[in-house]
């Protein structure tokens, strides 16, 4: 029974590691392009304006 819990724990740790690595990769990539993203951030968050209403 103990080896089963160890196996399940290892699988869960591996899955958590994959998600953590992906999050770190995205964060490092966004920091690399940080100066460009800082300018585009308000434009990305702005609501689209309705035309012709």
PDB file of N, CA and C in Angstrom:
ATOM      1  N   UNK A   1       0.828  -1.201   0.000  1.00  0.00           N
ATOM      2  CA  UNK A   1       0.000   0.000   0.000  1.00  0.00           C
ATOM      3  C   UNK A   1       0.870   1.261   0.000  1.00  0.00           C
ATOM      4  N   UNK A   2       1.990   1.203   0.712  1.00  0.00           N
ATOM      5  CA  UNK A   2       2.866   2.364   0.801  1.00  0.00           C
ATOM      6  C   UNK A   2       3.474   2.696  -0.563  1.00  0.00           C
ATOM      7  N   UNK A   3       3.856   1.688  -1.323  1.00  0.00           N
ATOM      8  CA  UNK A   3       4.457   1.948  -2.628  1.00  0.00           C
ATOM      9  C   UNK A   3       3.433   2.549  -3.591  1.00  0.00           C
ATOM     10  N   UNK A   4       2.177   2.205  -3.410  1.00  0.00           N
ATOM     11  CA  UNK A   4       1.126   2.776  -4.259  1.00  0.00           C
ATOM     12  C   UNK A   4       1.000   4.273  -4.014  1.00  0.00           C
ATOM     13  N   UNK A   5       1.020   4.687  -2.728  1.00  0.00           N
ATOM     14  CA  UNK A   5       0.925   6.103  -2.405  1.00  0.00           C
ATOM     15  C   UNK A   5       2.162   6.863  -2.888  1.00  0.00           C
ATOM     16  N   UNK A   6       3.320   6.218  -2.823  1.00  0.00           N
ATOM     17  CA  UNK A   6       4.542   6.838  -3.325  1.00  0.00           C
ATOM     18  C   UNK A   6       4.443   7.062  -4.829  1.00  0.00           C
ATOM     19  N   UNK A   7       3.918   6.071  -5.548  1.00  0.00           N
ATOM     20  CA  UNK A   7       3.752   6.183  -6.995  1.00  0.00           C
ATOM     21  C   UNK A   7       2.779   7.303  -7.346  1.00  0.00           C
ATOM     22  N   UNK A   8       1.645   7.348  -6.656  1.00  0.00           N
ATOM     23  CA  UNK A   8       0.646   8.396  -6.921  1.00  0.00           C
ATOM     24  C   UNK A   8       1.221   9.770  -6.586  1.00  0.00           C
ATOM     25  N   UNK A   9       1.968   9.867  -5.492  1.00  0.00           N
ATOM     26  CA  UNK A   9       2.592  11.134  -5.123  1.00  0.00           C
ATOM     27  C   UNK A   9       3.618  11.586  -6.151  1.00  0.00           C
ATOM     28  N   UNK A  10       4.365  10.641  -6.706  1.00  0.00           N
ATOM     29  CA  UNK A  10       5.346  10.965  -7.731  1.00  0.00           C
ATOM     30  C   UNK A  10       4.694  11.477  -9.004  1.00  0.00           C
ATOM     31  N   UNK A  11       3.593  10.845  -9.374  1.00  0.00           N
ATOM     32  CA  UNK A  11       2.867  11.311 -10.563  1.00  0.00           C
ATOM     33  C   UNK A  11       2.321  12.719 -10.340  1.00  0.00           C
ATOM     34  N   UNK A  12       1.724  12.958  -9.180  1.00  0.00           N
ATOM     35  CA  UNK A  12       1.188  14.297  -8.894  1.00  0.00           C
ATOM     36  C   UNK A  12       2.291  15.349  -8.851  1.00  0.00           C
ATOM     37  N   UNK A  13       3.448  14.990  -8.288  1.00  0.00           N
ATOM     38  CA  UNK A  13       4.573  15.931  -8.254  1.00  0.00           C
ATOM     39  C   UNK A  13       5.078  16.218  -9.669  1.00  0.00           C
ATOM     40  N   UNK A  14       5.091  15.207 -10.514  1.00  0.00           N
ATOM     41  CA  UNK A  14       5.515  15.408 -11.902  1.00  0.00           C
ATOM     42  C   UNK A  14       4.578  16.321 -12.660  1.00  0.00           C
ATOM     43  N   UNK A  15       3.286  16.132 -12.463  1.00  0.00           N
ATOM     44  CA  UNK A  15       2.300  16.989 -13.127  1.00  0.00           C
ATOM     45  C   UNK A  15       2.436  18.430 -12.635  1.00  0.00           C
ATOM     46  N   UNK A  16       2.607  18.598 -11.320  1.00  0.00           N
ATOM     47  CA  UNK A  16       2.786  19.946 -10.773  1.00  0.00           C
ATOM     48  C   UNK A  16       4.064  20.575 -11.307  1.00  0.00           C
ATOM     49  N   UNK A  17       5.104  19.776 -11.492  1.00  0.00           N
ATOM     50  CA  UNK A  17       6.359  20.285 -12.031  1.00  0.00           C
ATOM     51  C   UNK A  17       6.222  20.770 -13.458  1.00  0.00           C
ATOM     52  N   UNK A  18       5.445  20.060 -14.258  1.00  0.00           N
ATOM     53  CA  UNK A  18       5.232  20.472 -15.647  1.00  0.00           C
ATOM     54  C   UNK A  18       4.504  21.811 -15.699  1.00  0.00           C
ATOM     55  N   UNK A  19       3.461  21.962 -14.882  1.00  0.00           N
ATOM     56  CA  UNK A  19       2.727  23.232 -14.865  1.00  0.00           C
ATOM     57  C   UNK A  19       3.597  24.364 -14.333  1.00  0.00           C
ATOM     58  N   UNK A  20       4.432  24.084 -13.336  1.00  0.00           N
ATOM     59  CA  UNK A  20       5.322  25.107 -12.796  1.00  0.00           C
ATOM     60  C   UNK A  20       6.348  25.535 -13.838  1.00  0.00           C
ATOM     61  N   UNK A  21       6.910  24.574 -14.550  1.00  0.00           N
ATOM     62  CA  UNK A  21       7.882  24.906 -15.595  1.00  0.00           C
ATOM     63  C   UNK A  21       7.243  25.742 -16.699  1.00  0.00           C
ATOM     64  N   UNK A  22       6.007  25.433 -17.063  1.00  0.00           N
ATOM     65  CA  UNK A  22       5.319  26.218 -18.086  1.00  0.00           C
ATOM     66  C   UNK A  22       5.080  27.642 -17.603  1.00  0.00           C
ATOM     67  N   UNK A  23       4.668  27.796 -16.346  1.00  0.00           N
ATOM     68  CA  UNK A  23       4.414  29.134 -15.802  1.00  0.00           C
ATOM     69  C   UNK A  23       5.705  29.949 -15.745  1.00  0.00           C
ATOM     70  N   UNK A  24       6.802  29.321 -15.334  1.00  0.00           N
ATOM     71  CA  UNK A  24       8.084  30.026 -15.270  1.00  0.00           C
ATOM     72  C   UNK A  24       8.539  30.409 -16.671  1.00  0.00           C
ATOM     73  N   UNK A  25       8.351  29.532 -17.627  1.00  0.00           N
ATOM     74  CA  UNK A  25       8.739  29.827 -19.004  1.00  0.00           C
ATOM     75  C   UNK A  25       7.974  31.023 -19.555  1.00  0.00           C
ATOM     76  N   UNK A  26       6.680  31.058 -19.304  1.00  0.00           N
ATOM     77  CA  UNK A  26       5.862  32.183 -19.766  1.00  0.00           C
ATOM     78  C   UNK A  26       6.294  33.476 -19.086  1.00  0.00           C
ATOM     79  N   UNK A  27       6.591  33.409 -17.794  1.00  0.00           N
ATOM     80  CA  UNK A  27       7.012  34.599 -17.058  1.00  0.00           C
ATOM     81  C   UNK A  27       8.348  35.119 -17.581  1.00  0.00           C
ATOM     82  N   UNK A  28       9.296  34.226 -17.822  1.00  0.00           N
ATOM     83  CA  UNK A  28      10.599  34.657 -18.337  1.00  0.00           C
ATOM     84  C   UNK A  28      10.477  35.237 -19.738  1.00  0.00           C
ATOM     85  N   UNK A  29       9.620  34.673 -20.555  1.00  0.00           N
ATOM     86  CA  UNK A  29       9.428  35.190 -21.903  1.00  0.00           C
ATOM     87  C   UNK A  29       8.775  36.570 -21.870  1.00  0.00           C
ATOM     88  N   UNK A  30       7.845  36.765 -20.948  1.00  0.00           N
ATOM     89  CA  UNK A  30       7.201  38.078 -20.861  1.00  0.00           C
ATOM     90  C   UNK A  30       8.167  39.122 -20.323  1.00  0.00           C
ATOM     91  N   UNK A  31       9.086  38.727 -19.460  1.00  0.00           N
ATOM     92  CA  UNK A  31      10.082  39.686 -18.968  1.00  0.00           C
ATOM     93  C   UNK A  31      11.081  40.046 -20.052  1.00  0.00           C
ATOM     94  N   UNK A  32      11.368  39.078 -20.936  1.00  0.00           N
ATOM     95  CA  UNK A  32      12.303  39.342 -22.023  1.00  0.00           C
ATOM     96  C   UNK A  32      11.743  40.411 -22.952  1.00  0.00           C
ATOM     97  N   UNK A  33      10.453  40.392 -23.188  1.00  0.00           N
ATOM     98  CA  UNK A  33       9.783  41.369 -24.041  1.00  0.00           C
ATOM     99  C   UNK A  33       9.033  42.387 -23.201  1.00  0.00           C
ATOM    100  N   UNK A  34       9.518  42.677 -22.015  1.00  0.00           N
ATOM    101  CA  UNK A  34       8.802  43.521 -21.058  1.00  0.00           C
ATOM    102  C   UNK A  34       8.552  44.929 -21.535  1.00  0.00           C
ATOM    103  N   UNK A  35       9.502  45.540 -22.223  1.00  0.00           N
ATOM    104  CA  UNK A  35       9.316  46.927 -22.630  1.00  0.00           C
ATOM    105  C   UNK A  35       8.213  47.056 -23.679  1.00  0.00           C
ATOM    106  N   UNK A  36       8.077  46.053 -24.536  1.00  0.00           N
ATOM    107  CA  UNK A  36       7.018  46.103 -25.547  1.00  0.00           C
ATOM    108  C   UNK A  36       5.657  45.829 -24.934  1.00  0.00           C
ATOM    109  N   UNK A  37       5.593  44.900 -23.973  1.00  0.00           N
ATOM    110  CA  UNK A  37       4.323  44.558 -23.350  1.00  0.00           C
ATOM    111  C   UNK A  37       3.795  45.699 -22.490  1.00  0.00           C
ATOM    112  N   UNK A  38       4.682  46.499 -21.911  1.00  0.00           N
ATOM    113  CA  UNK A  38       4.233  47.595 -21.057  1.00  0.00           C
ATOM    114  C   UNK A  38       3.465  48.637 -21.873  1.00  0.00           C
ATOM    115  N   UNK A  39       3.836  48.817 -23.132  1.00  0.00           N
ATOM    116  CA  UNK A  39       3.148  49.782 -23.984  1.00  0.00           C
ATOM    117  C   UNK A  39       1.815  49.213 -24.444  1.00  0.00           C
ATOM    118  N   UNK A  40       1.777  47.936 -24.769  1.00  0.00           N
ATOM    119  CA  UNK A  40       0.571  47.316 -25.306  1.00  0.00           C
ATOM    120  C   UNK A  40      -0.454  46.940 -24.245  1.00  0.00           C
ATOM    121  N   UNK A  41      -0.079  46.953 -22.981  1.00  0.00           N
ATOM    122  CA  UNK A  41      -0.985  46.496 -21.921  1.00  0.00           C
ATOM    123  C   UNK A  41      -2.294  47.295 -21.866  1.00  0.00           C
ATOM    124  N   UNK A  42      -2.278  48.634 -21.866  1.00  0.00           N
ATOM    125  CA  UNK A  42      -3.561  49.360 -21.829  1.00  0.00           C
ATOM    126  C   UNK A  42      -4.421  49.091 -23.061  1.00  0.00           C
ATOM    127  N   UNK A  43      -3.783  48.914 -24.210  1.00  0.00           N
ATOM    128  CA  UNK A  43      -4.544  48.645 -25.426  1.00  0.00           C
ATOM    129  C   UNK A  43      -5.204  47.273 -25.365  1.00  0.00           C
ATOM    130  N   UNK A  44      -4.521  46.297 -24.762  1.00  0.00           N
ATOM    131  CA  UNK A  44      -5.098  44.963 -24.653  1.00  0.00           C
ATOM    132  C   UNK A  44      -6.277  44.945 -23.685  1.00  0.00           C
ATOM    133  N   UNK A  45      -6.206  45.757 -22.631  1.00  0.00           N
ATOM    134  CA  UNK A  45      -7.248  45.752 -21.613  1.00  0.00           C
ATOM    135  C   UNK A  45      -8.419  46.661 -21.955  1.00  0.00           C
ATOM    136  N   UNK A  46      -8.249  47.544 -22.918  1.00  0.00           N
ATOM    137  CA  UNK A  46      -9.296  48.494 -23.264  1.00  0.00           C
ATOM    138  C   UNK A  46     -10.459  47.765 -23.912  1.00  0.00           C
ATOM    139  N   UNK A  47     -11.660  48.201 -23.596  1.00  0.00           N
ATOM    140  CA  UNK A  47     -12.856  47.635 -24.211  1.00  0.00           C
ATOM    141  C   UNK A  47     -12.990  48.180 -25.621  1.00  0.00           C
ATOM    142  N   UNK A  48     -13.442  47.359 -26.530  1.00  0.00           N
ATOM    143  CA  UNK A  48     -13.625  47.860 -27.902  1.00  0.00           C
ATOM    144  C   UNK A  48     -14.759  48.887 -27.951  1.00  0.00           C
ATOM    145  N   UNK A  49     -14.548  49.933 -28.718  1.00  0.00           N
ATOM    146  CA  UNK A  49     -15.563  50.961 -28.851  1.00  0.00           C
ATOM    147  C   UNK A  49     -16.521  50.587 -29.968  1.00  0.00           C
ATOM    148  N   UNK A  50     -17.789  50.813 -29.713  1.00  0.00           N
ATOM    149  CA  UNK A  50     -18.771  50.476 -30.746  1.00  0.00           C
ATOM    150  C   UNK A  50     -18.857  51.628 -31.746  1.00  0.00           C
ATOM    151  N   UNK A  51     -18.816  51.271 -33.006  1.00  0.00           N
ATOM    152  CA  UNK A  51     -18.876  52.278 -34.063  1.00  0.00           C
ATOM    153  C   UNK A  51     -20.237  52.221 -34.743  1.00  0.00           C
ATOM    154  N   UNK A  52     -20.801  53.359 -35.021  1.00  0.00           N
ATOM    155  CA  UNK A  52     -22.047  53.430 -35.746  1.00  0.00           C
ATOM    156  C   UNK A  52     -23.293  53.156 -34.910  1.00  0.00           C
ATOM    157  N   UNK A  53     -23.177  53.290 -33.621  1.00  0.00           N
ATOM    158  CA  UNK A  53     -24.361  53.057 -32.774  1.00  0.00           C
ATOM    159  C   UNK A  53     -25.022  54.352 -32.458  1.00  0.00           C
TER     160      UNK A  53
END
